[in-house]
Amino acid sequence: MERRTVRILRAVAAALVFVTAAYHLWWGVPRSLVYAQAYGGGVPPDPRPFLFVALALALLAGPYLVTRNVMSLRHAYVGGTVLLVASIAAWVFWHATGHGAFLVDGFSAPASGGGHHHGQQNTVLLILSHFDTEPVEAAIKTVEAAAVAILVTLLWRDPAIVPEGRSESVDRSDANET
């Protein structure tokens, strides 16, 4: 893969990770403060604000640690991919389980945007309905999925981390396919 393409993909991946982290901080910090004040030592009924803040800080730590030569690119790509896939999976899990009804008996967190119901049996249809009824969530999950795709591409094709033998064989196989 050309160095210019790699630089562009790295920049796009960093921007997508930043957007994801910024959204999670925007949503999580105010709610975390409210829960911290309201519940003191108790367990809040909705752990998401604290998890959102932790995810955002972990996502922002990756690029910082890479620029300080504390973390390798390979570990950053893998870590970012794992964190973003976990975020998508947690979002699906949260909605598939009735907004955390499993946390507190009889508790169901209110929908953030309203206008949808969870009467569907099929998890795929339920998640697709959220793309229609929750456009901000849909946008963030699309950003996260795009970041995962780019990070996996970089993990596989970035010349800075790909062994030379594999890089040459991948480039040769690409040339044969075209």
C-alpha atoms as a PDB file:
ATOM      1  CA  MET A   1       0.000   0.000   0.000  1.00  0.00           C
ATOM      2  CA  GLU A   2       1.329   3.442  -0.880  1.00  0.00           C
ATOM      3  CA  ARG A   3       2.593   5.645   1.928  1.00  0.00           C
ATOM      4  CA  ARG A   4       0.223   8.431   0.894  1.00  0.00           C
ATOM      5  CA  THR A   5      -2.760   6.091   1.113  1.00  0.00           C
ATOM      6  CA  VAL A   6      -1.609   4.871   4.517  1.00  0.00           C
ATOM      7  CA  ARG A   7      -1.269   8.453   5.784  1.00  0.00           C
ATOM      8  CA  ILE A   8      -4.766   9.286   4.540  1.00  0.00           C
ATOM      9  CA  LEU A   9      -6.250   6.151   6.115  1.00  0.00           C
ATOM     10  CA  ARG A  10      -4.491   6.884   9.411  1.00  0.00           C
ATOM     11  CA  ALA A  11      -5.857  10.438   9.395  1.00  0.00           C
ATOM     12  CA  VAL A  12      -9.389   9.275   8.594  1.00  0.00           C
ATOM     13  CA  ALA A  13      -9.218   6.574  11.273  1.00  0.00           C
ATOM     14  CA  ALA A  14      -7.976   9.124  13.820  1.00  0.00           C
ATOM     15  CA  ALA A  15     -10.792  11.515  12.888  1.00  0.00           C
ATOM     16  CA  LEU A  16     -13.424   8.779  13.212  1.00  0.00           C
ATOM     17  CA  VAL A  17     -12.019   7.692  16.576  1.00  0.00           C
ATOM     18  CA  PHE A  18     -12.010  11.319  17.730  1.00  0.00           C
ATOM     19  CA  VAL A  19     -15.655  11.779  16.655  1.00  0.00           C
ATOM     20  CA  THR A  20     -16.621   8.626  18.533  1.00  0.00           C
ATOM     21  CA  ALA A  21     -14.730   9.681  21.658  1.00  0.00           C
ATOM     22  CA  ALA A  22     -16.151  13.213  21.523  1.00  0.00           C
ATOM     23  CA  TYR A  23     -19.712  11.907  21.274  1.00  0.00           C
ATOM     24  CA  HIS A  24     -19.204   9.493  24.163  1.00  0.00           C
ATOM     25  CA  LEU A  25     -17.735  12.272  26.318  1.00  0.00           C
ATOM     26  CA  TRP A  26     -20.537  14.654  25.333  1.00  0.00           C
ATOM     27  CA  TRP A  27     -23.160  12.091  26.303  1.00  0.00           C
ATOM     28  CA  GLY A  28     -21.392  10.503  29.282  1.00  0.00           C
ATOM     29  CA  VAL A  29     -19.778  13.291  31.286  1.00  0.00           C
ATOM     30  CA  PRO A  30     -22.925  15.238  32.273  1.00  0.00           C
ATOM     31  CA  ARG A  31     -24.808  12.063  33.163  1.00  0.00           C
ATOM     32  CA  SER A  32     -21.833  10.697  35.098  1.00  0.00           C
ATOM     33  CA  LEU A  33     -21.748  13.863  37.175  1.00  0.00           C
ATOM     34  CA  VAL A  34     -25.471  13.642  37.900  1.00  0.00           C
ATOM     35  CA  TYR A  35     -25.201   9.978  38.892  1.00  0.00           C
ATOM     36  CA  ALA A  36     -22.093  10.592  40.988  1.00  0.00           C
ATOM     37  CA  GLN A  37     -23.909  13.329  42.919  1.00  0.00           C
ATOM     38  CA  ALA A  38     -27.204  11.481  43.211  1.00  0.00           C
ATOM     39  CA  TYR A  39     -25.954   8.026  44.109  1.00  0.00           C
ATOM     40  CA  GLY A  40     -22.778   8.731  46.044  1.00  0.00           C
ATOM     41  CA  GLY A  41     -21.755   5.219  47.087  1.00  0.00           C
ATOM     42  CA  GLY A  42     -24.666   3.314  45.549  1.00  0.00           C
ATOM     43  CA  VAL A  43     -24.862   1.595  42.223  1.00  0.00           C
ATOM     44  CA  PRO A  44     -26.568   3.731  39.573  1.00  0.00           C
ATOM     45  CA  PRO A  45     -29.333   2.073  37.562  1.00  0.00           C
ATOM     46  CA  ASP A  46     -27.612   2.944  34.287  1.00  0.00           C
ATOM     47  CA  PRO A  47     -23.851   2.276  34.057  1.00  0.00           C
ATOM     48  CA  ARG A  48     -23.558   3.688  30.534  1.00  0.00           C
ATOM     49  CA  PRO A  49     -22.400   7.220  31.417  1.00  0.00           C
ATOM     50  CA  PHE A  50     -19.367   5.893  33.277  1.00  0.00           C
ATOM     51  CA  LEU A  51     -18.659   3.336  30.555  1.00  0.00           C
ATOM     52  CA  PHE A  52     -19.001   5.999  27.862  1.00  0.00           C
ATOM     53  CA  VAL A  53     -16.430   8.201  29.584  1.00  0.00           C
ATOM     54  CA  ALA A  54     -14.061   5.260  30.088  1.00  0.00           C
ATOM     55  CA  LEU A  55     -14.400   4.232  26.431  1.00  0.00           C
ATOM     56  CA  ALA A  56     -13.746   7.782  25.233  1.00  0.00           C
ATOM     57  CA  LEU A  57     -10.652   8.134  27.405  1.00  0.00           C
ATOM     58  CA  ALA A  58      -9.321   4.767  26.235  1.00  0.00           C
ATOM     59  CA  LEU A  59      -9.929   5.730  22.585  1.00  0.00           C
ATOM     60  CA  LEU A  60      -8.162   9.063  23.047  1.00  0.00           C
ATOM     61  CA  ALA A  61      -5.272   7.421  24.896  1.00  0.00           C
ATOM     62  CA  GLY A  62      -4.373   5.258  21.872  1.00  0.00           C
ATOM     63  CA  PRO A  63      -3.217   8.000  19.504  1.00  0.00           C
ATOM     64  CA  TYR A  64      -1.568   9.866  22.377  1.00  0.00           C
ATOM     65  CA  LEU A  65       0.420   6.792  23.413  1.00  0.00           C
ATOM     66  CA  VAL A  66       1.429   6.069  19.804  1.00  0.00           C
ATOM     67  CA  THR A  67       2.733   9.609  19.320  1.00  0.00           C
ATOM     68  CA  ARG A  68       4.772   9.232  22.532  1.00  0.00           C
ATOM     69  CA  ASN A  69       6.207   5.864  21.379  1.00  0.00           C
ATOM     70  CA  VAL A  70       4.628   4.114  24.353  1.00  0.00           C
ATOM     71  CA  MET A  71       2.363   1.943  22.188  1.00  0.00           C
ATOM     72  CA  SER A  72       3.079   0.404  18.813  1.00  0.00           C
ATOM     73  CA  LEU A  73       0.876   1.020  15.792  1.00  0.00           C
ATOM     74  CA  ARG A  74      -0.091  -2.649  15.743  1.00  0.00           C
ATOM     75  CA  HIS A  75      -1.321  -2.509  19.344  1.00  0.00           C
ATOM     76  CA  ALA A  76      -3.150   0.752  18.666  1.00  0.00           C
ATOM     77  CA  TYR A  77      -4.913  -0.722  15.639  1.00  0.00           C
ATOM     78  CA  VAL A  78      -5.878  -3.857  17.550  1.00  0.00           C
ATOM     79  CA  GLY A  79      -6.904  -1.916  20.664  1.00  0.00           C
ATOM     80  CA  GLY A  80      -8.985   0.566  18.699  1.00  0.00           C
ATOM     81  CA  THR A  81     -10.669  -2.229  16.794  1.00  0.00           C
ATOM     82  CA  VAL A  82     -11.477  -4.150  19.974  1.00  0.00           C
ATOM     83  CA  LEU A  83     -12.832  -1.063  21.744  1.00  0.00           C
ATOM     84  CA  LEU A  84     -15.014  -0.023  18.812  1.00  0.00           C
ATOM     85  CA  VAL A  85     -16.354  -3.526  18.204  1.00  0.00           C
ATOM     86  CA  ALA A  86     -17.090  -3.774  21.941  1.00  0.00           C
ATOM     87  CA  SER A  87     -18.959  -0.461  21.751  1.00  0.00           C
ATOM     88  CA  ILE A  88     -21.083  -1.693  18.854  1.00  0.00           C
ATOM     89  CA  ALA A  89     -21.714  -5.034  20.579  1.00  0.00           C
ATOM     90  CA  ALA A  90     -22.626  -3.320  23.858  1.00  0.00           C
ATOM     91  CA  TRP A  91     -25.059  -1.054  22.002  1.00  0.00           C
ATOM     92  CA  VAL A  92     -26.728  -4.055  20.391  1.00  0.00           C
ATOM     93  CA  PHE A  93     -26.792  -5.900  23.738  1.00  0.00           C
ATOM     94  CA  TRP A  94     -28.248  -2.884  25.563  1.00  0.00           C
ATOM     95  CA  HIS A  95     -31.109  -2.578  23.108  1.00  0.00           C
ATOM     96  CA  ALA A  96     -31.674  -6.320  22.722  1.00  0.00           C
ATOM     97  CA  THR A  97     -32.099  -6.675  26.500  1.00  0.00           C
ATOM     98  CA  GLY A  98     -34.686  -3.936  26.931  1.00  0.00           C
ATOM     99  CA  HIS A  99     -32.353  -1.059  27.810  1.00  0.00           C
ATOM    100  CA  GLY A 100     -30.660  -2.808  30.676  1.00  0.00           C
ATOM    101  CA  ALA A 101     -33.697  -4.361  32.301  1.00  0.00           C
ATOM    102  CA  PHE A 102     -31.369  -7.161  33.374  1.00  0.00           C
ATOM    103  CA  LEU A 103     -29.514  -4.741  35.715  1.00  0.00           C
ATOM    104  CA  VAL A 104     -32.347  -3.916  38.071  1.00  0.00           C
ATOM    105  CA  ASP A 105     -35.427  -6.080  38.387  1.00  0.00           C
ATOM    106  CA  GLY A 106     -38.257  -4.293  36.657  1.00  0.00           C
ATOM    107  CA  PHE A 107     -36.131  -1.320  35.625  1.00  0.00           C
ATOM    108  CA  SER A 108     -35.941  -0.180  32.032  1.00  0.00           C
ATOM    109  CA  ALA A 109     -34.037   2.959  31.141  1.00  0.00           C
ATOM    110  CA  PRO A 110     -36.064   5.412  29.105  1.00  0.00           C
ATOM    111  CA  ALA A 111     -35.368   5.669  25.416  1.00  0.00           C
ATOM    112  CA  SER A 112     -33.134   8.578  24.570  1.00  0.00           C
ATOM    113  CA  GLY A 113     -35.169   9.760  21.629  1.00  0.00           C
ATOM    114  CA  GLY A 114     -38.518   8.052  21.952  1.00  0.00           C
ATOM    115  CA  GLY A 115     -40.600   6.977  19.022  1.00  0.00           C
ATOM    116  CA  HIS A 116     -39.610   3.333  18.984  1.00  0.00           C
ATOM    117  CA  HIS A 117     -40.685   0.189  20.739  1.00  0.00           C
ATOM    118  CA  HIS A 118     -39.052  -3.077  21.597  1.00  0.00           C
ATOM    119  CA  GLY A 119     -41.864  -5.434  20.725  1.00  0.00           C
ATOM    120  CA  GLN A 120     -39.875  -7.030  17.905  1.00  0.00           C
ATOM    121  CA  GLN A 121     -38.545 -10.515  18.455  1.00  0.00           C
ATOM    122  CA  ASN A 122     -35.758 -10.344  15.892  1.00  0.00           C
ATOM    123  CA  THR A 123     -32.639  -8.547  17.163  1.00  0.00           C
ATOM    124  CA  VAL A 124     -31.575  -7.587  13.639  1.00  0.00           C
ATOM    125  CA  LEU A 125     -34.921  -5.873  12.977  1.00  0.00           C
ATOM    126  CA  LEU A 126     -34.730  -4.199  16.373  1.00  0.00           C
ATOM    127  CA  ILE A 127     -31.289  -2.756  15.640  1.00  0.00           C
ATOM    128  CA  LEU A 128     -32.318  -1.708  12.124  1.00  0.00           C
ATOM    129  CA  SER A 129     -35.314   0.091  13.623  1.00  0.00           C
ATOM    130  CA  HIS A 130     -32.897   2.079  15.807  1.00  0.00           C
ATOM    131  CA  PHE A 131     -31.133   3.279  12.680  1.00  0.00           C
ATOM    132  CA  ASP A 132     -34.464   4.786  11.651  1.00  0.00           C
ATOM    133  CA  THR A 133     -35.656   6.118  15.011  1.00  0.00           C
ATOM    134  CA  GLU A 134     -32.326   7.172  16.556  1.00  0.00           C
ATOM    135  CA  PRO A 135     -30.374   9.019  13.836  1.00  0.00           C
ATOM    136  CA  VAL A 136     -27.582  10.197  16.168  1.00  0.00           C
ATOM    137  CA  GLU A 137     -26.992   6.666  17.455  1.00  0.00           C
ATOM    138  CA  ALA A 138     -27.097   5.411  13.875  1.00  0.00           C
ATOM    139  CA  ALA A 139     -24.520   7.980  12.800  1.00  0.00           C
ATOM    140  CA  ILE A 140     -22.163   7.144  15.675  1.00  0.00           C
ATOM    141  CA  LYS A 141     -22.440   3.394  15.085  1.00  0.00           C
ATOM    142  CA  THR A 142     -21.777   3.984  11.369  1.00  0.00           C
ATOM    143  CA  VAL A 143     -18.718   6.064  12.280  1.00  0.00           C
ATOM    144  CA  GLU A 144     -17.541   3.289  14.598  1.00  0.00           C
ATOM    145  CA  ALA A 145     -18.053   0.612  11.934  1.00  0.00           C
ATOM    146  CA  ALA A 146     -16.143   2.701   9.375  1.00  0.00           C
ATOM    147  CA  ALA A 147     -13.308   3.180  11.872  1.00  0.00           C
ATOM    148  CA  VAL A 148     -13.190  -0.580  12.470  1.00  0.00           C
ATOM    149  CA  ALA A 149     -12.994  -1.229   8.721  1.00  0.00           C
ATOM    150  CA  ILE A 150     -10.144   1.247   8.313  1.00  0.00           C
ATOM    151  CA  LEU A 151      -8.250   0.008  11.379  1.00  0.00           C
ATOM    152  CA  VAL A 152      -8.490  -3.586  10.162  1.00  0.00           C
ATOM    153  CA  THR A 153      -7.305  -2.491   6.712  1.00  0.00           C
ATOM    154  CA  LEU A 154      -4.352  -0.689   8.286  1.00  0.00           C
ATOM    155  CA  LEU A 155      -3.604  -3.668  10.506  1.00  0.00           C
ATOM    156  CA  TRP A 156      -3.445  -5.846   7.428  1.00  0.00           C
ATOM    157  CA  ARG A 157      -1.776  -3.473   4.940  1.00  0.00           C
ATOM    158  CA  ASP A 158       0.197  -0.751   6.785  1.00  0.00           C
ATOM    159  CA  PRO A 159       3.830  -1.156   5.681  1.00  0.00           C
ATOM    160  CA  ALA A 160       5.008   0.140   9.067  1.00  0.00           C
ATOM    161  CA  ILE A 161       3.741  -3.028  10.774  1.00  0.00           C
ATOM    162  CA  VAL A 162       3.323  -5.626   8.019  1.00  0.00           C
ATOM    163  CA  PRO A 163       6.309  -7.959   7.598  1.00  0.00           C
ATOM    164  CA  GLU A 164       8.025  -7.328   4.260  1.00  0.00           C
ATOM    165  CA  GLY A 165       7.373 -10.813   2.890  1.00  0.00           C
ATOM    166  CA  ARG A 166       3.647 -10.595   3.520  1.00  0.00           C
ATOM    167  CA  SER A 167       3.437  -7.051   2.181  1.00  0.00           C
ATOM    168  CA  GLU A 168       5.027  -8.076  -1.108  1.00  0.00           C
ATOM    169  CA  SER A 169       2.837 -11.170  -1.463  1.00  0.00           C
ATOM    170  CA  VAL A 170      -0.316  -9.156  -0.723  1.00  0.00           C
ATOM    171  CA  ASP A 171       0.654  -6.516  -3.302  1.00  0.00           C
ATOM    172  CA  ARG A 172       1.434  -9.229  -5.874  1.00  0.00           C
ATOM    173  CA  SER A 173      -1.886 -10.999  -5.299  1.00  0.00           C
ATOM    174  CA  ASP A 174      -3.707  -7.663  -5.667  1.00  0.00           C
ATOM    175  CA  ALA A 175      -1.930  -7.029  -8.956  1.00  0.00           C
ATOM    176  CA  ASN A 176      -2.896 -10.501 -10.218  1.00  0.00           C
ATOM    177  CA  GLU A 177      -6.567  -9.891  -9.391  1.00  0.00           C
ATOM    178  CA  THR A 178      -6.800  -6.671 -11.400  1.00  0.00           C
END
